[in-house]
């Protein structure tokens, strides 16, 4: 996998197509990445010791690495032309 934590990526497929963000986490064994603000899902949480109040939280879900593209590479290619 050529995408690392901290890389700026562009989503090229899926419900967030056209959006860009920064990679927060990589899951190498599953070939997925977590991108900041992309592929948001609702998580229902019951009250527990860590969280006194339960509720519904927005979290970033992993997206397959084939659905993202590094932005830096696009900038370099456009400068060469």
PDB file of N, CA and C in Angstrom:
ATOM      1  N   UNK A   1       0.854  -1.172   0.000  1.00  0.00           N
ATOM      2  CA  UNK A   1       0.000   0.000   0.000  1.00  0.00           C
ATOM      3  C   UNK A   1       0.903   1.239   0.000  1.00  0.00           C
ATOM      4  N   UNK A   2       0.631   2.167  -0.928  1.00  0.00           N
ATOM      5  CA  UNK A   2       1.480   3.338  -1.079  1.00  0.00           C
ATOM      6  C   UNK A   2       0.979   4.555  -0.321  1.00  0.00           C
ATOM      7  N   UNK A   3      -0.188   4.435   0.306  1.00  0.00           N
ATOM      8  CA  UNK A   3      -0.764   5.548   1.061  1.00  0.00           C
ATOM      9  C   UNK A   3      -0.414   5.384   2.534  1.00  0.00           C
ATOM     10  N   UNK A   4       0.073   6.478   3.159  1.00  0.00           N
ATOM     11  CA  UNK A   4       0.493   6.443   4.555  1.00  0.00           C
ATOM     12  C   UNK A   4      -0.327   7.426   5.368  1.00  0.00           C
ATOM     13  N   UNK A   5      -0.188   7.344   6.681  1.00  0.00           N
ATOM     14  CA  UNK A   5      -0.858   8.279   7.584  1.00  0.00           C
ATOM     15  C   UNK A   5      -0.317   9.683   7.314  1.00  0.00           C
ATOM     16  N   UNK A   6      -1.222  10.642   7.203  1.00  0.00           N
ATOM     17  CA  UNK A   6      -0.826  12.020   6.963  1.00  0.00           C
ATOM     18  C   UNK A   6      -0.910  12.438   5.505  1.00  0.00           C
ATOM     19  N   UNK A   7      -1.077  11.501   4.582  1.00  0.00           N
ATOM     20  CA  UNK A   7      -1.199  11.831   3.166  1.00  0.00           C
ATOM     21  C   UNK A   7      -2.539  12.481   2.879  1.00  0.00           C
ATOM     22  N   UNK A   8      -2.546  13.409   1.949  1.00  0.00           N
ATOM     23  CA  UNK A   8      -3.782  14.039   1.484  1.00  0.00           C
ATOM     24  C   UNK A   8      -4.292  13.209   0.309  1.00  0.00           C
ATOM     25  N   UNK A   9      -5.556  12.762   0.395  1.00  0.00           N
ATOM     26  CA  UNK A   9      -6.110  11.887  -0.635  1.00  0.00           C
ATOM     27  C   UNK A   9      -7.426  12.447  -1.179  1.00  0.00           C
ATOM     28  N   UNK A  10      -7.762  12.009  -2.394  1.00  0.00           N
ATOM     29  CA  UNK A  10      -9.009  12.358  -3.066  1.00  0.00           C
ATOM     30  C   UNK A  10      -9.820  11.090  -3.229  1.00  0.00           C
ATOM     31  N   UNK A  11     -11.103  11.133  -2.863  1.00  0.00           N
ATOM     32  CA  UNK A  11     -11.975   9.966  -3.004  1.00  0.00           C
ATOM     33  C   UNK A  11     -12.438   9.912  -4.452  1.00  0.00           C
ATOM     34  N   UNK A  12     -12.206   8.758  -5.119  1.00  0.00           N
ATOM     35  CA  UNK A  12     -12.543   8.635  -6.537  1.00  0.00           C
ATOM     36  C   UNK A  12     -13.746   7.741  -6.780  1.00  0.00           C
ATOM     37  N   UNK A  13     -14.310   7.125  -5.741  1.00  0.00           N
ATOM     38  CA  UNK A  13     -15.491   6.278  -5.889  1.00  0.00           C
ATOM     39  C   UNK A  13     -16.265   6.249  -4.582  1.00  0.00           C
ATOM     40  N   UNK A  14     -17.575   6.041  -4.681  1.00  0.00           N
ATOM     41  CA  UNK A  14     -18.402   5.915  -3.494  1.00  0.00           C
ATOM     42  C   UNK A  14     -19.245   7.148  -3.236  1.00  0.00           C
ATOM     43  N   UNK A  15     -19.898   7.176  -2.086  1.00  0.00           N
ATOM     44  CA  UNK A  15     -20.833   8.259  -1.775  1.00  0.00           C
ATOM     45  C   UNK A  15     -20.139   9.604  -1.562  1.00  0.00           C
ATOM     46  N   UNK A  16     -18.860   9.606  -1.235  1.00  0.00           N
ATOM     47  CA  UNK A  16     -18.103  10.836  -1.009  1.00  0.00           C
ATOM     48  C   UNK A  16     -17.171  11.165  -2.171  1.00  0.00           C
ATOM     49  N   UNK A  17     -17.512  10.726  -3.365  1.00  0.00           N
ATOM     50  CA  UNK A  17     -16.675  10.942  -4.549  1.00  0.00           C
ATOM     51  C   UNK A  17     -16.443  12.434  -4.766  1.00  0.00           C
ATOM     52  N   UNK A  18     -15.170  12.794  -4.998  1.00  0.00           N
ATOM     53  CA  UNK A  18     -14.815  14.182  -5.239  1.00  0.00           C
ATOM     54  C   UNK A  18     -14.321  14.924  -4.011  1.00  0.00           C
ATOM     55  N   UNK A  19     -14.518  14.376  -2.832  1.00  0.00           N
ATOM     56  CA  UNK A  19     -14.064  15.018  -1.600  1.00  0.00           C
ATOM     57  C   UNK A  19     -12.622  14.622  -1.319  1.00  0.00           C
ATOM     58  N   UNK A  20     -11.924  15.476  -0.591  1.00  0.00           N
ATOM     59  CA  UNK A  20     -10.565  15.130  -0.200  1.00  0.00           C
ATOM     60  C   UNK A  20     -10.400  15.300   1.298  1.00  0.00           C
ATOM     61  N   UNK A  21      -9.395  14.626   1.842  1.00  0.00           N
ATOM     62  CA  UNK A  21      -9.129  14.678   3.271  1.00  0.00           C
ATOM     63  C   UNK A  21      -7.789  14.064   3.594  1.00  0.00           C
ATOM     64  N   UNK A  22      -7.471  14.069   4.873  1.00  0.00           N
ATOM     65  CA  UNK A  22      -6.185  13.571   5.362  1.00  0.00           C
ATOM     66  C   UNK A  22      -6.370  12.173   5.947  1.00  0.00           C
ATOM     67  N   UNK A  23      -5.420  11.275   5.673  1.00  0.00           N
ATOM     68  CA  UNK A  23      -5.486   9.905   6.180  1.00  0.00           C
ATOM     69  C   UNK A  23      -5.148   9.910   7.667  1.00  0.00           C
ATOM     70  N   UNK A  24      -6.064   9.360   8.481  1.00  0.00           N
ATOM     71  CA  UNK A  24      -5.884   9.284   9.932  1.00  0.00           C
ATOM     72  C   UNK A  24      -5.241   7.963  10.327  1.00  0.00           C
ATOM     73  N   UNK A  25      -5.673   6.873   9.675  1.00  0.00           N
ATOM     74  CA  UNK A  25      -5.248   5.533  10.059  1.00  0.00           C
ATOM     75  C   UNK A  25      -5.237   4.639   8.836  1.00  0.00           C
ATOM     76  N   UNK A  26      -4.296   3.680   8.808  1.00  0.00           N
ATOM     77  CA  UNK A  26      -4.265   2.688   7.729  1.00  0.00           C
ATOM     78  C   UNK A  26      -4.463   1.298   8.321  1.00  0.00           C
ATOM     79  N   UNK A  27      -5.246   0.484   7.640  1.00  0.00           N
ATOM     80  CA  UNK A  27      -5.477  -0.907   8.037  1.00  0.00           C
ATOM     81  C   UNK A  27      -4.875  -1.787   6.945  1.00  0.00           C
ATOM     82  N   UNK A  28      -3.591  -2.079   7.072  1.00  0.00           N
ATOM     83  CA  UNK A  28      -2.855  -2.787   6.023  1.00  0.00           C
ATOM     84  C   UNK A  28      -3.385  -4.189   5.755  1.00  0.00           C
ATOM     85  N   UNK A  29      -3.795  -4.913   6.790  1.00  0.00           N
ATOM     86  CA  UNK A  29      -4.262  -6.285   6.592  1.00  0.00           C
ATOM     87  C   UNK A  29      -5.568  -6.338   5.806  1.00  0.00           C
ATOM     88  N   UNK A  30      -6.373  -5.272   5.866  1.00  0.00           N
ATOM     89  CA  UNK A  30      -7.652  -5.233   5.153  1.00  0.00           C
ATOM     90  C   UNK A  30      -7.601  -4.329   3.922  1.00  0.00           C
ATOM     91  N   UNK A  31      -6.441  -3.700   3.640  1.00  0.00           N
ATOM     92  CA  UNK A  31      -6.276  -2.759   2.519  1.00  0.00           C
ATOM     93  C   UNK A  31      -7.282  -1.617   2.590  1.00  0.00           C
ATOM     94  N   UNK A  32      -7.443  -1.031   3.778  1.00  0.00           N
ATOM     95  CA  UNK A  32      -8.376   0.074   3.966  1.00  0.00           C
ATOM     96  C   UNK A  32      -7.681   1.222   4.673  1.00  0.00           C
ATOM     97  N   UNK A  33      -8.238   2.420   4.495  1.00  0.00           N
ATOM     98  CA  UNK A  33      -7.736   3.607   5.177  1.00  0.00           C
ATOM     99  C   UNK A  33      -8.918   4.359   5.789  1.00  0.00           C
ATOM    100  N   UNK A  34      -8.640   5.111   6.852  1.00  0.00           N
ATOM    101  CA  UNK A  34      -9.642   5.964   7.475  1.00  0.00           C
ATOM    102  C   UNK A  34      -9.247   7.398   7.139  1.00  0.00           C
ATOM    103  N   UNK A  35     -10.165   8.132   6.488  1.00  0.00           N
ATOM    104  CA  UNK A  35      -9.893   9.494   6.047  1.00  0.00           C
ATOM    105  C   UNK A  35     -10.747  10.457   6.864  1.00  0.00           C
ATOM    106  N   UNK A  36     -10.144  11.546   7.285  1.00  0.00           N
ATOM    107  CA  UNK A  36     -10.809  12.531   8.142  1.00  0.00           C
ATOM    108  C   UNK A  36     -11.998  13.165   7.409  1.00  0.00           C
ATOM    109  N   UNK A  37     -13.194  13.009   7.988  1.00  0.00           N
ATOM    110  CA  UNK A  37     -14.400  13.616   7.445  1.00  0.00           C
ATOM    111  C   UNK A  37     -15.028  12.885   6.269  1.00  0.00           C
ATOM    112  N   UNK A  38     -14.522  11.709   5.928  1.00  0.00           N
ATOM    113  CA  UNK A  38     -15.021  10.941   4.783  1.00  0.00           C
ATOM    114  C   UNK A  38     -15.644   9.640   5.288  1.00  0.00           C
ATOM    115  N   UNK A  39     -16.718   9.197   4.633  1.00  0.00           N
ATOM    116  CA  UNK A  39     -17.423   7.953   4.956  1.00  0.00           C
ATOM    117  C   UNK A  39     -17.916   7.961   6.409  1.00  0.00           C
ATOM    118  N   UNK A  40     -18.622   9.028   6.763  1.00  0.00           N
ATOM    119  CA  UNK A  40     -19.136   9.180   8.123  1.00  0.00           C
ATOM    120  C   UNK A  40     -20.315   8.237   8.341  1.00  0.00           C
ATOM    121  N   UNK A  41     -20.329   7.575   9.509  1.00  0.00           N
ATOM    122  CA  UNK A  41     -21.409   6.669   9.892  1.00  0.00           C
ATOM    123  C   UNK A  41     -21.886   7.033  11.296  1.00  0.00           C
ATOM    124  N   UNK A  42     -23.104   6.634  11.622  1.00  0.00           N
ATOM    125  CA  UNK A  42     -23.675   6.872  12.951  1.00  0.00           C
ATOM    126  C   UNK A  42     -23.407   5.659  13.827  1.00  0.00           C
ATOM    127  N   UNK A  43     -22.927   5.872  15.050  1.00  0.00           N
ATOM    128  CA  UNK A  43     -22.646   4.802  15.996  1.00  0.00           C
ATOM    129  C   UNK A  43     -23.517   5.027  17.226  1.00  0.00           C
ATOM    130  N   UNK A  44     -24.367   4.063  17.538  1.00  0.00           N
ATOM    131  CA  UNK A  44     -25.222   4.132  18.719  1.00  0.00           C
ATOM    132  C   UNK A  44     -24.456   3.553  19.901  1.00  0.00           C
ATOM    133  N   UNK A  45     -24.312   4.339  20.979  1.00  0.00           N
ATOM    134  CA  UNK A  45     -23.508   3.939  22.131  1.00  0.00           C
ATOM    135  C   UNK A  45     -24.365   3.966  23.386  1.00  0.00           C
ATOM    136  N   UNK A  46     -24.313   2.868  24.146  1.00  0.00           N
ATOM    137  CA  UNK A  46     -25.019   2.813  25.434  1.00  0.00           C
ATOM    138  C   UNK A  46     -24.166   3.500  26.496  1.00  0.00           C
ATOM    139  N   UNK A  47     -24.781   4.017  27.553  1.00  0.00           N
ATOM    140  CA  UNK A  47     -24.008   4.616  28.645  1.00  0.00           C
ATOM    141  C   UNK A  47     -23.093   3.574  29.299  1.00  0.00           C
ATOM    142  N   UNK A  48     -21.872   3.984  29.621  1.00  0.00           N
ATOM    143  CA  UNK A  48     -20.918   3.103  30.310  1.00  0.00           C
ATOM    144  C   UNK A  48     -19.976   3.961  31.147  1.00  0.00           C
ATOM    145  N   UNK A  49     -18.922   3.363  31.682  1.00  0.00           N
ATOM    146  CA  UNK A  49     -17.991   4.096  32.546  1.00  0.00           C
ATOM    147  C   UNK A  49     -17.269   5.222  31.807  1.00  0.00           C
ATOM    148  N   UNK A  50     -16.880   4.990  30.551  1.00  0.00           N
ATOM    149  CA  UNK A  50     -16.179   6.019  29.789  1.00  0.00           C
ATOM    150  C   UNK A  50     -17.122   7.146  29.385  1.00  0.00           C
ATOM    151  N   UNK A  51     -18.349   6.767  29.054  1.00  0.00           N
ATOM    152  CA  UNK A  51     -19.315   7.728  28.541  1.00  0.00           C
ATOM    153  C   UNK A  51     -20.574   7.659  29.395  1.00  0.00           C
ATOM    154  N   UNK A  52     -20.732   8.638  30.305  1.00  0.00           N
ATOM    155  CA  UNK A  52     -21.881   8.621  31.210  1.00  0.00           C
ATOM    156  C   UNK A  52     -23.204   8.699  30.447  1.00  0.00           C
ATOM    157  N   UNK A  53     -23.239   9.517  29.427  1.00  0.00           N
ATOM    158  CA  UNK A  53     -24.431   9.607  28.595  1.00  0.00           C
ATOM    159  C   UNK A  53     -24.213   8.759  27.350  1.00  0.00           C
ATOM    160  N   UNK A  54     -25.215   8.049  26.955  1.00  0.00           N
ATOM    161  CA  UNK A  54     -25.141   7.337  25.687  1.00  0.00           C
ATOM    162  C   UNK A  54     -25.426   8.325  24.577  1.00  0.00           C
ATOM    163  N   UNK A  55     -25.696   7.811  23.413  1.00  0.00           N
ATOM    164  CA  UNK A  55     -26.065   8.709  22.336  1.00  0.00           C
ATOM    165  C   UNK A  55     -25.664   8.165  20.986  1.00  0.00           C
ATOM    166  N   UNK A  56     -25.819   9.018  20.012  1.00  0.00           N
ATOM    167  CA  UNK A  56     -25.469   8.677  18.637  1.00  0.00           C
ATOM    168  C   UNK A  56     -24.284   9.546  18.243  1.00  0.00           C
ATOM    169  N   UNK A  57     -23.183   8.923  17.851  1.00  0.00           N
ATOM    170  CA  UNK A  57     -21.967   9.637  17.494  1.00  0.00           C
ATOM    171  C   UNK A  57     -21.650   9.428  16.021  1.00  0.00           C
ATOM    172  N   UNK A  58     -21.053  10.453  15.399  1.00  0.00           N
ATOM    173  CA  UNK A  58     -20.577  10.342  14.022  1.00  0.00           C
ATOM    174  C   UNK A  58     -19.124   9.890  14.046  1.00  0.00           C
ATOM    175  N   UNK A  59     -18.816   8.822  13.310  1.00  0.00           N
ATOM    176  CA  UNK A  59     -17.461   8.284  13.222  1.00  0.00           C
ATOM    177  C   UNK A  59     -17.067   8.109  11.769  1.00  0.00           C
ATOM    178  N   UNK A  60     -15.756   8.159  11.497  1.00  0.00           N
ATOM    179  CA  UNK A  60     -15.248   7.857  10.166  1.00  0.00           C
ATOM    180  C   UNK A  60     -15.080   6.353  10.035  1.00  0.00           C
ATOM    181  N   UNK A  61     -15.665   5.778   9.005  1.00  0.00           N
ATOM    182  CA  UNK A  61     -15.523   4.348   8.737  1.00  0.00           C
ATOM    183  C   UNK A  61     -14.402   4.154   7.719  1.00  0.00           C
ATOM    184  N   UNK A  62     -13.766   2.980   7.716  1.00  0.00           N
ATOM    185  CA  UNK A  62     -12.705   2.726   6.741  1.00  0.00           C
ATOM    186  C   UNK A  62     -13.253   2.690   5.319  1.00  0.00           C
ATOM    187  N   UNK A  63     -12.407   3.094   4.375  1.00  0.00           N
ATOM    188  CA  UNK A  63     -12.734   3.060   2.954  1.00  0.00           C
ATOM    189  C   UNK A  63     -11.613   2.301   2.251  1.00  0.00           C
ATOM    190  N   UNK A  64     -11.952   1.515   1.241  1.00  0.00           N
ATOM    191  CA  UNK A  64     -10.954   0.688   0.567  1.00  0.00           C
ATOM    192  C   UNK A  64      -9.937   1.583  -0.130  1.00  0.00           C
ATOM    193  N   UNK A  65      -8.689   1.161  -0.092  1.00  0.00           N
ATOM    194  CA  UNK A  65      -7.591   1.963  -0.624  1.00  0.00           C
ATOM    195  C   UNK A  65      -7.712   2.166  -2.139  1.00  0.00           C
ATOM    196  N   UNK A  66      -8.423   1.285  -2.836  1.00  0.00           N
ATOM    197  CA  UNK A  66      -8.594   1.449  -4.283  1.00  0.00           C
ATOM    198  C   UNK A  66      -9.551   2.585  -4.617  1.00  0.00           C
ATOM    199  N   UNK A  67     -10.295   3.082  -3.633  1.00  0.00           N
ATOM    200  CA  UNK A  67     -11.246   4.163  -3.859  1.00  0.00           C
ATOM    201  C   UNK A  67     -10.685   5.539  -3.531  1.00  0.00           C
ATOM    202  N   UNK A  68      -9.383   5.616  -3.218  1.00  0.00           N
ATOM    203  CA  UNK A  68      -8.746   6.905  -2.937  1.00  0.00           C
ATOM    204  C   UNK A  68      -7.485   7.045  -3.780  1.00  0.00           C
ATOM    205  N   UNK A  69      -7.084   8.312  -3.981  1.00  0.00           N
ATOM    206  CA  UNK A  69      -5.889   8.600  -4.770  1.00  0.00           C
ATOM    207  C   UNK A  69      -5.138   9.737  -4.098  1.00  0.00           C
ATOM    208  N   UNK A  70      -3.802   9.631  -4.020  1.00  0.00           N
ATOM    209  CA  UNK A  70      -2.995  10.679  -3.419  1.00  0.00           C
ATOM    210  C   UNK A  70      -3.106  11.954  -4.230  1.00  0.00           C
ATOM    211  N   UNK A  71      -3.219  13.099  -3.551  1.00  0.00           N
ATOM    212  CA  UNK A  71      -3.351  14.381  -4.248  1.00  0.00           C
ATOM    213  C   UNK A  71      -1.989  14.897  -4.691  1.00  0.00           C
ATOM    214  N   UNK A  72      -0.930  14.655  -3.938  1.00  0.00           N
ATOM    215  CA  UNK A  72       0.399  15.159  -4.282  1.00  0.00           C
ATOM    216  C   UNK A  72       0.839  14.666  -5.656  1.00  0.00           C
ATOM    217  N   UNK A  73       0.492  13.424  -5.993  1.00  0.00           N
ATOM    218  CA  UNK A  73       0.874  12.882  -7.296  1.00  0.00           C
ATOM    219  C   UNK A  73       0.202  13.659  -8.413  1.00  0.00           C
ATOM    220  N   UNK A  74      -1.048  14.063  -8.216  1.00  0.00           N
ATOM    221  CA  UNK A  74      -1.765  14.829  -9.231  1.00  0.00           C
ATOM    222  C   UNK A  74      -1.107  16.191  -9.448  1.00  0.00           C
ATOM    223  N   UNK A  75      -0.659  16.835  -8.376  1.00  0.00           N
ATOM    224  CA  UNK A  75      -0.013  18.136  -8.494  1.00  0.00           C
ATOM    225  C   UNK A  75       1.290  18.021  -9.274  1.00  0.00           C
ATOM    226  N   UNK A  76       2.081  16.975  -9.007  1.00  0.00           N
ATOM    227  CA  UNK A  76       3.344  16.781  -9.709  1.00  0.00           C
ATOM    228  C   UNK A  76       3.098  16.521 -11.189  1.00  0.00           C
ATOM    229  N   UNK A  77       2.087  15.708 -11.513  1.00  0.00           N
ATOM    230  CA  UNK A  77       1.789  15.403 -12.910  1.00  0.00           C
ATOM    231  C   UNK A  77       1.343  16.647 -13.659  1.00  0.00           C
ATOM    232  N   UNK A  78       0.541  17.500 -13.030  1.00  0.00           N
ATOM    233  CA  UNK A  78       0.061  18.702 -13.709  1.00  0.00           C
ATOM    234  C   UNK A  78       1.188  19.710 -13.920  1.00  0.00           C
ATOM    235  N   UNK A  79       2.181  19.734 -13.035  1.00  0.00           N
ATOM    236  CA  UNK A  79       3.317  20.637 -13.208  1.00  0.00           C
ATOM    237  C   UNK A  79       4.214  20.191 -14.350  1.00  0.00           C
ATOM    238  N   UNK A  80       4.316  18.876 -14.601  1.00  0.00           N
ATOM    239  CA  UNK A  80       5.168  18.356 -15.671  1.00  0.00           C
ATOM    240  C   UNK A  80       4.616  18.709 -17.045  1.00  0.00           C
ATOM    241  N   UNK A  81       3.296  18.861 -17.159  1.00  0.00           N
ATOM    242  CA  UNK A  81       2.687  19.124 -18.477  1.00  0.00           C
ATOM    243  C   UNK A  81       2.866  20.540 -18.922  1.00  0.00           C
TER     244      UNK A  81
END
